[in-house]
């Protein structure tokens, strides 16, 4: 995934490589220099990677509110923040700020969550 035309606050990467499961739809969204790649699945699960580590993603905004996590208090690009949970319907979600990368998923079954967690652990920044 290319972040060359995006504002990457730390300038530590221009691309991100990850083992993302094959999706039924992939979109790239860039607004005000903040970029997201969203991978949608037929099951309604969504996986995303972006560079807006200061405010997070709209994908999990309601889930963050539900657990009382209204905003991030990130002080440096080295900070790591992880929030997530299981919804009443059994679907899993997470949003993680891994230094200078935002990553997360929503509407995931338990098996999808396992695959997405593998994808998160595989993230590699490329200069």
C-alpha atoms as a PDB file:
ATOM      1  CA  UNK A   1       0.000   0.000   0.000  1.00  0.00           C
ATOM      2  CA  UNK A   2       1.464   3.281  -1.042  1.00  0.00           C
ATOM      3  CA  UNK A   3       1.546   6.290   1.279  1.00  0.00           C
ATOM      4  CA  UNK A   4       3.804   8.362  -0.986  1.00  0.00           C
ATOM      5  CA  UNK A   5       1.193  11.071  -1.614  1.00  0.00           C
ATOM      6  CA  UNK A   6       0.031  11.151   1.987  1.00  0.00           C
ATOM      7  CA  UNK A   7       1.250  13.095   4.961  1.00  0.00           C
ATOM      8  CA  UNK A   8       3.229  10.623   7.011  1.00  0.00           C
ATOM      9  CA  UNK A   9       4.100  12.543  10.130  1.00  0.00           C
ATOM     10  CA  UNK A  10       7.195  10.556  10.955  1.00  0.00           C
ATOM     11  CA  UNK A  11       8.463  10.129   7.387  1.00  0.00           C
ATOM     12  CA  UNK A  12       9.486   6.621   8.406  1.00  0.00           C
ATOM     13  CA  UNK A  13       7.715   4.948   5.473  1.00  0.00           C
ATOM     14  CA  UNK A  14       6.295   5.542   2.027  1.00  0.00           C
ATOM     15  CA  UNK A  15       4.679   2.101   1.778  1.00  0.00           C
ATOM     16  CA  UNK A  16       3.227  -0.453   4.143  1.00  0.00           C
ATOM     17  CA  UNK A  17       3.289  -4.155   3.480  1.00  0.00           C
ATOM     18  CA  UNK A  18       0.966  -6.537   5.343  1.00  0.00           C
ATOM     19  CA  UNK A  19      -0.510 -10.008   4.913  1.00  0.00           C
ATOM     20  CA  UNK A  20      -4.104  -8.833   4.516  1.00  0.00           C
ATOM     21  CA  UNK A  21      -6.618 -11.571   3.655  1.00  0.00           C
ATOM     22  CA  UNK A  22      -8.059 -11.283   0.141  1.00  0.00           C
ATOM     23  CA  UNK A  23     -11.040  -8.930   0.234  1.00  0.00           C
ATOM     24  CA  UNK A  24     -14.092  -8.599  -1.958  1.00  0.00           C
ATOM     25  CA  UNK A  25     -13.489  -4.843  -2.196  1.00  0.00           C
ATOM     26  CA  UNK A  26     -10.480  -2.593  -1.570  1.00  0.00           C
ATOM     27  CA  UNK A  27     -10.641   1.189  -1.455  1.00  0.00           C
ATOM     28  CA  UNK A  28      -8.090   3.945  -0.977  1.00  0.00           C
ATOM     29  CA  UNK A  29      -9.254   7.203   0.560  1.00  0.00           C
ATOM     30  CA  UNK A  30      -7.144  10.336   0.963  1.00  0.00           C
ATOM     31  CA  UNK A  31      -8.493  13.419   2.683  1.00  0.00           C
ATOM     32  CA  UNK A  32      -6.444  16.357   3.845  1.00  0.00           C
ATOM     33  CA  UNK A  33      -3.284  14.279   3.523  1.00  0.00           C
ATOM     34  CA  UNK A  34      -4.606  11.448   5.690  1.00  0.00           C
ATOM     35  CA  UNK A  35      -4.830   8.146   3.852  1.00  0.00           C
ATOM     36  CA  UNK A  36      -6.686   4.921   4.509  1.00  0.00           C
ATOM     37  CA  UNK A  37      -6.860   1.594   2.779  1.00  0.00           C
ATOM     38  CA  UNK A  38     -10.075  -0.241   3.560  1.00  0.00           C
ATOM     39  CA  UNK A  39     -10.645  -3.910   2.807  1.00  0.00           C
ATOM     40  CA  UNK A  40     -14.276  -5.048   2.841  1.00  0.00           C
ATOM     41  CA  UNK A  41     -15.410  -8.665   3.032  1.00  0.00           C
ATOM     42  CA  UNK A  42     -18.644 -10.392   1.999  1.00  0.00           C
ATOM     43  CA  UNK A  43     -19.276 -11.244   5.649  1.00  0.00           C
ATOM     44  CA  UNK A  44     -19.453  -7.465   6.421  1.00  0.00           C
ATOM     45  CA  UNK A  45     -16.053  -7.509   8.144  1.00  0.00           C
ATOM     46  CA  UNK A  46     -13.810  -4.523   7.439  1.00  0.00           C
ATOM     47  CA  UNK A  47     -10.023  -4.239   7.839  1.00  0.00           C
ATOM     48  CA  UNK A  48      -8.184  -0.924   7.496  1.00  0.00           C
ATOM     49  CA  UNK A  49      -4.718   0.600   7.558  1.00  0.00           C
ATOM     50  CA  UNK A  50      -4.069   4.316   7.627  1.00  0.00           C
ATOM     51  CA  UNK A  51      -1.810   7.082   8.773  1.00  0.00           C
ATOM     52  CA  UNK A  52      -4.150   9.235  10.891  1.00  0.00           C
ATOM     53  CA  UNK A  53      -2.737   8.179  14.245  1.00  0.00           C
ATOM     54  CA  UNK A  54      -3.933  11.356  15.977  1.00  0.00           C
ATOM     55  CA  UNK A  55      -7.704  10.942  15.695  1.00  0.00           C
ATOM     56  CA  UNK A  56      -8.259   7.336  14.625  1.00  0.00           C
ATOM     57  CA  UNK A  57     -10.704   5.916  12.108  1.00  0.00           C
ATOM     58  CA  UNK A  58     -14.406   6.488  11.618  1.00  0.00           C
ATOM     59  CA  UNK A  59     -14.838   2.729  11.080  1.00  0.00           C
ATOM     60  CA  UNK A  60     -14.653   2.049  14.820  1.00  0.00           C
ATOM     61  CA  UNK A  61     -15.758   5.449  16.115  1.00  0.00           C
ATOM     62  CA  UNK A  62     -19.033   4.121  17.573  1.00  0.00           C
ATOM     63  CA  UNK A  63     -17.289   1.093  19.067  1.00  0.00           C
ATOM     64  CA  UNK A  64     -14.768   3.364  20.801  1.00  0.00           C
ATOM     65  CA  UNK A  65     -17.602   5.526  22.170  1.00  0.00           C
ATOM     66  CA  UNK A  66     -19.389   2.391  23.409  1.00  0.00           C
ATOM     67  CA  UNK A  67     -16.445   1.544  25.684  1.00  0.00           C
ATOM     68  CA  UNK A  68     -15.945   5.143  26.800  1.00  0.00           C
ATOM     69  CA  UNK A  69     -12.893   5.809  24.657  1.00  0.00           C
ATOM     70  CA  UNK A  70     -13.810   9.139  23.111  1.00  0.00           C
ATOM     71  CA  UNK A  71     -10.424  10.314  21.849  1.00  0.00           C
ATOM     72  CA  UNK A  72      -6.767   9.441  21.809  1.00  0.00           C
ATOM     73  CA  UNK A  73      -4.245  11.086  24.082  1.00  0.00           C
ATOM     74  CA  UNK A  74      -1.221  10.317  21.973  1.00  0.00           C
ATOM     75  CA  UNK A  75       1.886  12.261  22.921  1.00  0.00           C
ATOM     76  CA  UNK A  76       4.492  10.967  20.481  1.00  0.00           C
ATOM     77  CA  UNK A  77       4.700   8.829  17.378  1.00  0.00           C
ATOM     78  CA  UNK A  78       6.285   6.098  19.484  1.00  0.00           C
ATOM     79  CA  UNK A  79       3.095   5.551  21.504  1.00  0.00           C
ATOM     80  CA  UNK A  80       1.120   2.363  21.062  1.00  0.00           C
ATOM     81  CA  UNK A  81      -2.596   2.386  21.859  1.00  0.00           C
ATOM     82  CA  UNK A  82      -4.891  -0.640  21.582  1.00  0.00           C
ATOM     83  CA  UNK A  83      -8.650  -0.722  22.108  1.00  0.00           C
ATOM     84  CA  UNK A  84     -11.149  -3.368  21.103  1.00  0.00           C
ATOM     85  CA  UNK A  85     -13.735  -5.821  22.235  1.00  0.00           C
ATOM     86  CA  UNK A  86     -16.567  -8.174  21.446  1.00  0.00           C
ATOM     87  CA  UNK A  87     -19.982  -6.754  20.568  1.00  0.00           C
ATOM     88  CA  UNK A  88     -23.246  -8.278  21.903  1.00  0.00           C
ATOM     89  CA  UNK A  89     -23.718 -10.080  18.560  1.00  0.00           C
ATOM     90  CA  UNK A  90     -20.313 -11.788  18.990  1.00  0.00           C
ATOM     91  CA  UNK A  91     -18.489  -9.712  16.384  1.00  0.00           C
ATOM     92  CA  UNK A  92     -14.998  -8.533  17.241  1.00  0.00           C
ATOM     93  CA  UNK A  93     -13.333  -5.179  16.654  1.00  0.00           C
ATOM     94  CA  UNK A  94     -10.037  -3.512  17.381  1.00  0.00           C
ATOM     95  CA  UNK A  95      -8.244  -0.291  16.620  1.00  0.00           C
ATOM     96  CA  UNK A  96      -4.538   0.020  17.198  1.00  0.00           C
ATOM     97  CA  UNK A  97      -2.150   2.909  16.875  1.00  0.00           C
ATOM     98  CA  UNK A  98       1.207   1.272  16.308  1.00  0.00           C
ATOM     99  CA  UNK A  99       3.521   4.239  16.476  1.00  0.00           C
ATOM    100  CA  UNK A 100       2.942   5.951  13.137  1.00  0.00           C
ATOM    101  CA  UNK A 101       0.423   3.441  11.698  1.00  0.00           C
ATOM    102  CA  UNK A 102      -3.319   3.159  12.366  1.00  0.00           C
ATOM    103  CA  UNK A 103      -4.794  -0.298  11.870  1.00  0.00           C
ATOM    104  CA  UNK A 104      -8.003  -2.019  12.832  1.00  0.00           C
ATOM    105  CA  UNK A 105     -10.985  -4.124  11.956  1.00  0.00           C
ATOM    106  CA  UNK A 106     -14.706  -4.282  12.666  1.00  0.00           C
ATOM    107  CA  UNK A 107     -17.627  -6.713  12.290  1.00  0.00           C
ATOM    108  CA  UNK A 108     -15.259  -9.691  12.408  1.00  0.00           C
ATOM    109  CA  UNK A 109     -16.141 -13.234  13.414  1.00  0.00           C
ATOM    110  CA  UNK A 110     -13.759 -14.988  15.771  1.00  0.00           C
ATOM    111  CA  UNK A 111     -11.947 -16.715  12.881  1.00  0.00           C
ATOM    112  CA  UNK A 112     -11.714 -13.473  10.894  1.00  0.00           C
ATOM    113  CA  UNK A 113     -10.337 -11.688  13.967  1.00  0.00           C
ATOM    114  CA  UNK A 114      -7.557 -14.288  14.152  1.00  0.00           C
ATOM    115  CA  UNK A 115      -6.664 -13.682  10.480  1.00  0.00           C
ATOM    116  CA  UNK A 116      -6.757  -9.906  10.947  1.00  0.00           C
ATOM    117  CA  UNK A 117      -4.550 -10.129  14.051  1.00  0.00           C
ATOM    118  CA  UNK A 118      -2.003 -12.023  11.936  1.00  0.00           C
ATOM    119  CA  UNK A 119      -2.199  -9.232   9.334  1.00  0.00           C
ATOM    120  CA  UNK A 120      -1.604  -6.610  12.032  1.00  0.00           C
ATOM    121  CA  UNK A 121       1.453  -8.460  13.313  1.00  0.00           C
ATOM    122  CA  UNK A 122       2.813  -8.688   9.749  1.00  0.00           C
ATOM    123  CA  UNK A 123       2.856  -4.911   9.147  1.00  0.00           C
ATOM    124  CA  UNK A 124       6.146  -3.768   7.717  1.00  0.00           C
ATOM    125  CA  UNK A 125       7.062  -0.181   6.968  1.00  0.00           C
ATOM    126  CA  UNK A 126       8.996   0.416   3.754  1.00  0.00           C
ATOM    127  CA  UNK A 127      10.981   3.617   3.221  1.00  0.00           C
END
